[in-house]
Amino acid sequence: MLHYALVFFIIAIIAAVFGFSGLASGAAGIAKILFVVFLVMAIVSFAVNLLRGR
């Protein structure tokens, strides 16, 4: 998940450099959503592992 977020972030940077503002904002939005999903899944995973360890 984090890998895809980084890929979309790089696509957004490259698109912004070449002047494709619509594509850049779309890719940046997707990257933000994927990063938030990654964070939520990581926090849930850590919490489950802590509870399972007891």
PDB file of N, CA and C in Angstrom:
ATOM      1  N   MET A   1       0.823  -1.185   0.000  1.00  0.00           N
ATOM      2  CA  MET A   1       0.000   0.000   0.000  1.00  0.00           C
ATOM      3  C   MET A   1       0.872   1.257   0.000  1.00  0.00           C
ATOM      4  N   LEU A   2       1.892   1.242   0.827  1.00  0.00           N
ATOM      5  CA  LEU A   2       2.789   2.392   0.885  1.00  0.00           C
ATOM      6  C   LEU A   2       3.536   2.554  -0.441  1.00  0.00           C
ATOM      7  N   HIS A   3       3.838   1.461  -1.074  1.00  0.00           N
ATOM      8  CA  HIS A   3       4.528   1.503  -2.359  1.00  0.00           C
ATOM      9  C   HIS A   3       3.675   2.230  -3.402  1.00  0.00           C
ATOM     10  N   TYR A   4       2.397   1.909  -3.461  1.00  0.00           N
ATOM     11  CA  TYR A   4       1.512   2.564  -4.423  1.00  0.00           C
ATOM     12  C   TYR A   4       1.344   4.046  -4.113  1.00  0.00           C
ATOM     13  N   ALA A   5       1.316   4.400  -2.834  1.00  0.00           N
ATOM     14  CA  ALA A   5       1.231   5.807  -2.458  1.00  0.00           C
ATOM     15  C   ALA A   5       2.466   6.566  -2.947  1.00  0.00           C
ATOM     16  N   LEU A   6       3.634   5.959  -2.786  1.00  0.00           N
ATOM     17  CA  LEU A   6       4.864   6.600  -3.269  1.00  0.00           C
ATOM     18  C   LEU A   6       4.887   6.709  -4.789  1.00  0.00           C
ATOM     19  N   VAL A   7       4.382   5.683  -5.477  1.00  0.00           N
ATOM     20  CA  VAL A   7       4.341   5.723  -6.944  1.00  0.00           C
ATOM     21  C   VAL A   7       3.451   6.867  -7.412  1.00  0.00           C
ATOM     22  N   PHE A   8       2.258   7.008  -6.813  1.00  0.00           N
ATOM     23  CA  PHE A   8       1.371   8.096  -7.217  1.00  0.00           C
ATOM     24  C   PHE A   8       1.946   9.453  -6.848  1.00  0.00           C
ATOM     25  N   PHE A   9       2.693   9.535  -5.746  1.00  0.00           N
ATOM     26  CA  PHE A   9       3.334  10.788  -5.372  1.00  0.00           C
ATOM     27  C   PHE A   9       4.390  11.184  -6.400  1.00  0.00           C
ATOM     28  N   ILE A  10       5.175  10.223  -6.851  1.00  0.00           N
ATOM     29  CA  ILE A  10       6.195  10.498  -7.868  1.00  0.00           C
ATOM     30  C   ILE A  10       5.545  10.890  -9.183  1.00  0.00           C
ATOM     31  N   ILE A  11       4.458  10.222  -9.546  1.00  0.00           N
ATOM     32  CA  ILE A  11       3.721  10.592 -10.765  1.00  0.00           C
ATOM     33  C   ILE A  11       3.212  12.024 -10.649  1.00  0.00           C
ATOM     34  N   ALA A  12       2.712  12.404  -9.468  1.00  0.00           N
ATOM     35  CA  ALA A  12       2.224  13.766  -9.261  1.00  0.00           C
ATOM     36  C   ALA A  12       3.346  14.784  -9.403  1.00  0.00           C
ATOM     37  N   ILE A  13       4.516  14.480  -8.879  1.00  0.00           N
ATOM     38  CA  ILE A  13       5.645  15.410  -8.987  1.00  0.00           C
ATOM     39  C   ILE A  13       6.073  15.566 -10.443  1.00  0.00           C
ATOM     40  N   ILE A  14       6.172  14.465 -11.161  1.00  0.00           N
ATOM     41  CA  ILE A  14       6.590  14.524 -12.562  1.00  0.00           C
ATOM     42  C   ILE A  14       5.557  15.266 -13.395  1.00  0.00           C
ATOM     43  N   ALA A  15       4.275  14.992 -13.140  1.00  0.00           N
ATOM     44  CA  ALA A  15       3.218  15.685 -13.890  1.00  0.00           C
ATOM     45  C   ALA A  15       3.231  17.178 -13.589  1.00  0.00           C
ATOM     46  N   ALA A  16       3.505  17.555 -12.352  1.00  0.00           N
ATOM     47  CA  ALA A  16       3.554  18.971 -12.003  1.00  0.00           C
ATOM     48  C   ALA A  16       4.726  19.669 -12.685  1.00  0.00           C
ATOM     49  N   VAL A  17       5.852  18.977 -12.795  1.00  0.00           N
ATOM     50  CA  VAL A  17       7.020  19.566 -13.452  1.00  0.00           C
ATOM     51  C   VAL A  17       6.730  19.837 -14.925  1.00  0.00           C
ATOM     52  N   PHE A  18       6.010  18.925 -15.562  1.00  0.00           N
ATOM     53  CA  PHE A  18       5.708  19.097 -16.975  1.00  0.00           C
ATOM     54  C   PHE A  18       4.448  19.920 -17.239  1.00  0.00           C
ATOM     55  N   GLY A  19       3.782  20.382 -16.195  1.00  0.00           N
ATOM     56  CA  GLY A  19       2.665  21.295 -16.360  1.00  0.00           C
ATOM     57  C   GLY A  19       1.300  20.651 -16.462  1.00  0.00           C
ATOM     58  N   PHE A  20       1.183  19.397 -16.168  1.00  0.00           N
ATOM     59  CA  PHE A  20      -0.113  18.728 -16.202  1.00  0.00           C
ATOM     60  C   PHE A  20      -0.757  18.852 -14.823  1.00  0.00           C
ATOM     61  N   SER A  21      -1.360  20.006 -14.556  1.00  0.00           N
ATOM     62  CA  SER A  21      -1.851  20.273 -13.204  1.00  0.00           C
ATOM     63  C   SER A  21      -3.032  19.382 -12.821  1.00  0.00           C
ATOM     64  N   GLY A  22      -3.909  19.071 -13.756  1.00  0.00           N
ATOM     65  CA  GLY A  22      -5.042  18.210 -13.456  1.00  0.00           C
ATOM     66  C   GLY A  22      -4.605  16.810 -13.083  1.00  0.00           C
ATOM     67  N   LEU A  23      -3.688  16.266 -13.848  1.00  0.00           N
ATOM     68  CA  LEU A  23      -3.158  14.935 -13.565  1.00  0.00           C
ATOM     69  C   LEU A  23      -2.376  14.936 -12.255  1.00  0.00           C
ATOM     70  N   ALA A  24      -1.633  16.001 -12.011  1.00  0.00           N
ATOM     71  CA  ALA A  24      -0.838  16.089 -10.784  1.00  0.00           C
ATOM     72  C   ALA A  24      -1.739  16.135  -9.554  1.00  0.00           C
ATOM     73  N   SER A  25      -2.803  16.909  -9.605  1.00  0.00           N
ATOM     74  CA  SER A  25      -3.686  16.988  -8.440  1.00  0.00           C
ATOM     75  C   SER A  25      -4.438  15.684  -8.226  1.00  0.00           C
ATOM     76  N   GLY A  26      -4.815  15.018  -9.302  1.00  0.00           N
ATOM     77  CA  GLY A  26      -5.473  13.718  -9.168  1.00  0.00           C
ATOM     78  C   GLY A  26      -4.559  12.671  -8.568  1.00  0.00           C
ATOM     79  N   ALA A  27      -3.341  12.618  -9.041  1.00  0.00           N
ATOM     80  CA  ALA A  27      -2.377  11.646  -8.517  1.00  0.00           C
ATOM     81  C   ALA A  27      -2.019  11.958  -7.068  1.00  0.00           C
ATOM     82  N   ALA A  28      -1.911  13.234  -6.736  1.00  0.00           N
ATOM     83  CA  ALA A  28      -1.615  13.608  -5.354  1.00  0.00           C
ATOM     84  C   ALA A  28      -2.770  13.230  -4.435  1.00  0.00           C
ATOM     85  N   GLY A  29      -3.989  13.401  -4.897  1.00  0.00           N
ATOM     86  CA  GLY A  29      -5.152  13.007  -4.101  1.00  0.00           C
ATOM     87  C   GLY A  29      -5.189  11.512  -3.853  1.00  0.00           C
ATOM     88  N   ILE A  30      -4.909  10.740  -4.882  1.00  0.00           N
ATOM     89  CA  ILE A  30      -4.870   9.283  -4.729  1.00  0.00           C
ATOM     90  C   ILE A  30      -3.754   8.884  -3.775  1.00  0.00           C
ATOM     91  N   ALA A  31      -2.598   9.529  -3.879  1.00  0.00           N
ATOM     92  CA  ALA A  31      -1.478   9.222  -2.996  1.00  0.00           C
ATOM     93  C   ALA A  31      -1.841   9.519  -1.541  1.00  0.00           C
ATOM     94  N   LYS A  32      -2.535  10.619  -1.285  1.00  0.00           N
ATOM     95  CA  LYS A  32      -2.944  10.951   0.076  1.00  0.00           C
ATOM     96  C   LYS A  32      -3.902   9.902   0.634  1.00  0.00           C
ATOM     97  N   ILE A  33      -4.865   9.490  -0.175  1.00  0.00           N
ATOM     98  CA  ILE A  33      -5.834   8.483   0.270  1.00  0.00           C
ATOM     99  C   ILE A  33      -5.134   7.168   0.573  1.00  0.00           C
ATOM    100  N   LEU A  34      -4.243   6.728  -0.303  1.00  0.00           N
ATOM    101  CA  LEU A  34      -3.537   5.472  -0.075  1.00  0.00           C
ATOM    102  C   LEU A  34      -2.651   5.543   1.162  1.00  0.00           C
ATOM    103  N   PHE A  35      -2.042   6.694   1.411  1.00  0.00           N
ATOM    104  CA  PHE A  35      -1.194   6.837   2.582  1.00  0.00           C
ATOM    105  C   PHE A  35      -2.018   6.768   3.863  1.00  0.00           C
ATOM    106  N   VAL A  36      -3.191   7.387   3.872  1.00  0.00           N
ATOM    107  CA  VAL A  36      -4.060   7.334   5.044  1.00  0.00           C
ATOM    108  C   VAL A  36      -4.535   5.906   5.280  1.00  0.00           C
ATOM    109  N   VAL A  37      -4.893   5.200   4.208  1.00  0.00           N
ATOM    110  CA  VAL A  37      -5.311   3.805   4.345  1.00  0.00           C
ATOM    111  C   VAL A  37      -4.162   2.967   4.899  1.00  0.00           C
ATOM    112  N   PHE A  38      -2.951   3.216   4.427  1.00  0.00           N
ATOM    113  CA  PHE A  38      -1.777   2.511   4.950  1.00  0.00           C
ATOM    114  C   PHE A  38      -1.603   2.772   6.437  1.00  0.00           C
ATOM    115  N   LEU A  39      -1.713   4.032   6.861  1.00  0.00           N
ATOM    116  CA  LEU A  39      -1.553   4.359   8.269  1.00  0.00           C
ATOM    117  C   LEU A  39      -2.606   3.675   9.133  1.00  0.00           C
ATOM    118  N   VAL A  40      -3.849   3.688   8.692  1.00  0.00           N
ATOM    119  CA  VAL A  40      -4.922   3.047   9.454  1.00  0.00           C
ATOM    120  C   VAL A  40      -4.668   1.552   9.568  1.00  0.00           C
ATOM    121  N   MET A  41      -4.284   0.922   8.459  1.00  0.00           N
ATOM    122  CA  MET A  41      -4.021  -0.515   8.495  1.00  0.00           C
ATOM    123  C   MET A  41      -2.819  -0.839   9.384  1.00  0.00           C
ATOM    124  N   ALA A  42      -1.799  -0.003   9.382  1.00  0.00           N
ATOM    125  CA  ALA A  42      -0.626  -0.229  10.224  1.00  0.00           C
ATOM    126  C   ALA A  42      -0.988  -0.090  11.699  1.00  0.00           C
ATOM    127  N   ILE A  43      -1.770   0.915  12.048  1.00  0.00           N
ATOM    128  CA  ILE A  43      -2.169   1.110  13.439  1.00  0.00           C
ATOM    129  C   ILE A  43      -3.034  -0.050  13.920  1.00  0.00           C
ATOM    130  N   VAL A  44      -3.970  -0.488  13.097  1.00  0.00           N
ATOM    131  CA  VAL A  44      -4.817  -1.626  13.460  1.00  0.00           C
ATOM    132  C   VAL A  44      -3.966  -2.882  13.631  1.00  0.00           C
ATOM    133  N   SER A  45      -3.014  -3.081  12.747  1.00  0.00           N
ATOM    134  CA  SER A  45      -2.145  -4.245  12.833  1.00  0.00           C
ATOM    135  C   SER A  45      -1.314  -4.228  14.119  1.00  0.00           C
ATOM    136  N   PHE A  46      -0.763  -3.079  14.463  1.00  0.00           N
ATOM    137  CA  PHE A  46       0.015  -2.973  15.694  1.00  0.00           C
ATOM    138  C   PHE A  46      -0.863  -3.222  16.918  1.00  0.00           C
ATOM    139  N   ALA A  47      -2.076  -2.675  16.908  1.00  0.00           N
ATOM    140  CA  ALA A  47      -2.982  -2.862  18.044  1.00  0.00           C
ATOM    141  C   ALA A  47      -3.365  -4.324  18.204  1.00  0.00           C
ATOM    142  N   VAL A  48      -3.662  -4.994  17.112  1.00  0.00           N
ATOM    143  CA  VAL A  48      -4.028  -6.410  17.177  1.00  0.00           C
ATOM    144  C   VAL A  48      -2.848  -7.233  17.684  1.00  0.00           C
ATOM    145  N   ASN A  49      -1.649  -6.927  17.237  1.00  0.00           N
ATOM    146  CA  ASN A  49      -0.469  -7.664  17.704  1.00  0.00           C
ATOM    147  C   ASN A  49      -0.202  -7.431  19.189  1.00  0.00           C
ATOM    148  N   LEU A  50      -0.434  -6.211  19.663  1.00  0.00           N
ATOM    149  CA  LEU A  50      -0.255  -5.947  21.086  1.00  0.00           C
ATOM    150  C   LEU A  50      -1.273  -6.708  21.913  1.00  0.00           C
ATOM    151  N   LEU A  51      -2.516  -6.722  21.477  1.00  0.00           N
ATOM    152  CA  LEU A  51      -3.564  -7.417  22.218  1.00  0.00           C
ATOM    153  C   LEU A  51      -3.385  -8.934  22.151  1.00  0.00           C
ATOM    154  N   ARG A  52      -2.926  -9.426  21.046  1.00  0.00           N
ATOM    155  CA  ARG A  52      -2.716 -10.864  20.899  1.00  0.00           C
ATOM    156  C   ARG A  52      -1.532 -11.341  21.719  1.00  0.00           C
ATOM    157  N   GLY A  53      -0.555 -10.480  21.937  1.00  0.00           N
ATOM    158  CA  GLY A  53       0.640 -10.859  22.687  1.00  0.00           C
ATOM    159  C   GLY A  53       0.390 -11.057  24.171  1.00  0.00           C
ATOM    160  N   ARG A  54      -0.672 -10.484  24.709  1.00  0.00           N
ATOM    161  CA  ARG A  54      -0.954 -10.598  26.149  1.00  0.00           C
ATOM    162  C   ARG A  54      -1.600 -11.852  26.477  1.00  0.00           C
TER     163      ARG A  54
END
